[in-house]
C-alpha cells in the first residue's frame, strides 16, 4: 500500500472519529449537567428542611 493511501485512510479515520465523538458527546454532556443541577437542587432542599427543623427545635 502506498504512503499516500495510508495517510488518506488515517485522515478519514480521524475525521470520522471526531464527528462521531462530537455527535455522541454533546447529549451526554448535557445529561451530566442536568443530573448535576438536579443533585444540587436535591441537596439544597434537604439542607433547607434540616435547617427549618433545627430552628424549630431551637426556637420552639
Protein backbone atom coordinates (compact mmCIF):
# COMPACT_ATOMS: atom_id res chain seq x y z
CA UNK A 1 0.00 0.00 0.00
CA UNK A 2 1.31 3.43 -0.89
CA UNK A 3 2.13 6.03 1.72
CA UNK A 4 -0.47 8.43 0.31
CA UNK A 5 -3.16 5.76 0.69
CA UNK A 6 -2.18 5.14 4.31
CA UNK A 7 -2.30 8.85 5.07
CA UNK A 8 -5.69 9.20 3.38
CA UNK A 9 -7.13 6.28 5.36
CA UNK A 10 -5.71 7.73 8.57
CA UNK A 11 -7.19 11.17 7.86
CA UNK A 12 -10.62 9.69 7.10
CA UNK A 13 -10.46 7.67 10.33
CA UNK A 14 -9.56 10.79 12.34
CA UNK A 15 -12.38 12.76 10.71
CA UNK A 16 -14.96 10.03 11.36
CA UNK A 17 -13.79 9.74 14.98
CA UNK A 18 -14.06 13.49 15.58
CA UNK A 19 -17.51 13.74 14.01
CA UNK A 20 -18.75 10.68 15.89
CA UNK A 21 -17.39 11.98 19.18
CA UNK A 22 -19.00 15.38 18.74
CA UNK A 23 -22.37 13.80 17.93
CA UNK A 24 -22.28 11.42 20.87
CA UNK A 25 -20.57 13.63 23.44
CA UNK A 26 -22.91 16.64 23.25
CA UNK A 27 -26.05 14.90 24.54
CA UNK A 28 -24.02 13.02 27.15
CA UNK A 29 -22.51 16.23 28.47
CA UNK A 30 -25.95 17.85 28.65
CA UNK A 31 -27.28 14.88 30.60
CA UNK A 32 -24.40 15.14 33.05
CA UNK A 33 -25.07 18.86 33.55
CA UNK A 34 -28.79 18.28 34.13
CA UNK A 35 -28.07 15.49 36.60
CA UNK A 36 -25.56 17.61 38.45
CA UNK A 37 -28.01 20.52 38.70
CA UNK A 38 -30.74 18.19 39.94
CA UNK A 39 -28.36 16.80 42.54
CA UNK A 40 -27.55 20.30 43.77
CA UNK A 41 -31.26 21.10 43.99
CA UNK A 42 -31.96 17.94 45.99
CA UNK A 43 -29.11 18.71 48.40
CA UNK A 44 -30.24 22.31 48.88
CA UNK A 45 -33.84 21.17 49.51
CA UNK A 46 -32.64 18.67 52.10
CA UNK A 47 -30.47 21.26 53.84
CA UNK A 48 -33.33 23.76 53.87
CA UNK A 49 -35.63 21.21 55.51
CA UNK A 50 -32.96 20.23 58.02
CA UNK A 51 -32.33 23.89 58.85
CA UNK A 52 -36.06 24.52 59.30
CA UNK A 53 -36.36 21.57 61.67
CA UNK A 54 -33.30 22.62 63.64
CA UNK A 55 -34.51 26.20 64.02
CA UNK A 56 -37.93 24.90 65.13
CA UNK A 57 -36.27 22.90 67.91
CA UNK A 58 -34.05 25.78 68.95
CA UNK A 59 -36.79 28.43 68.86
CA UNK A 60 -39.56 26.10 69.83
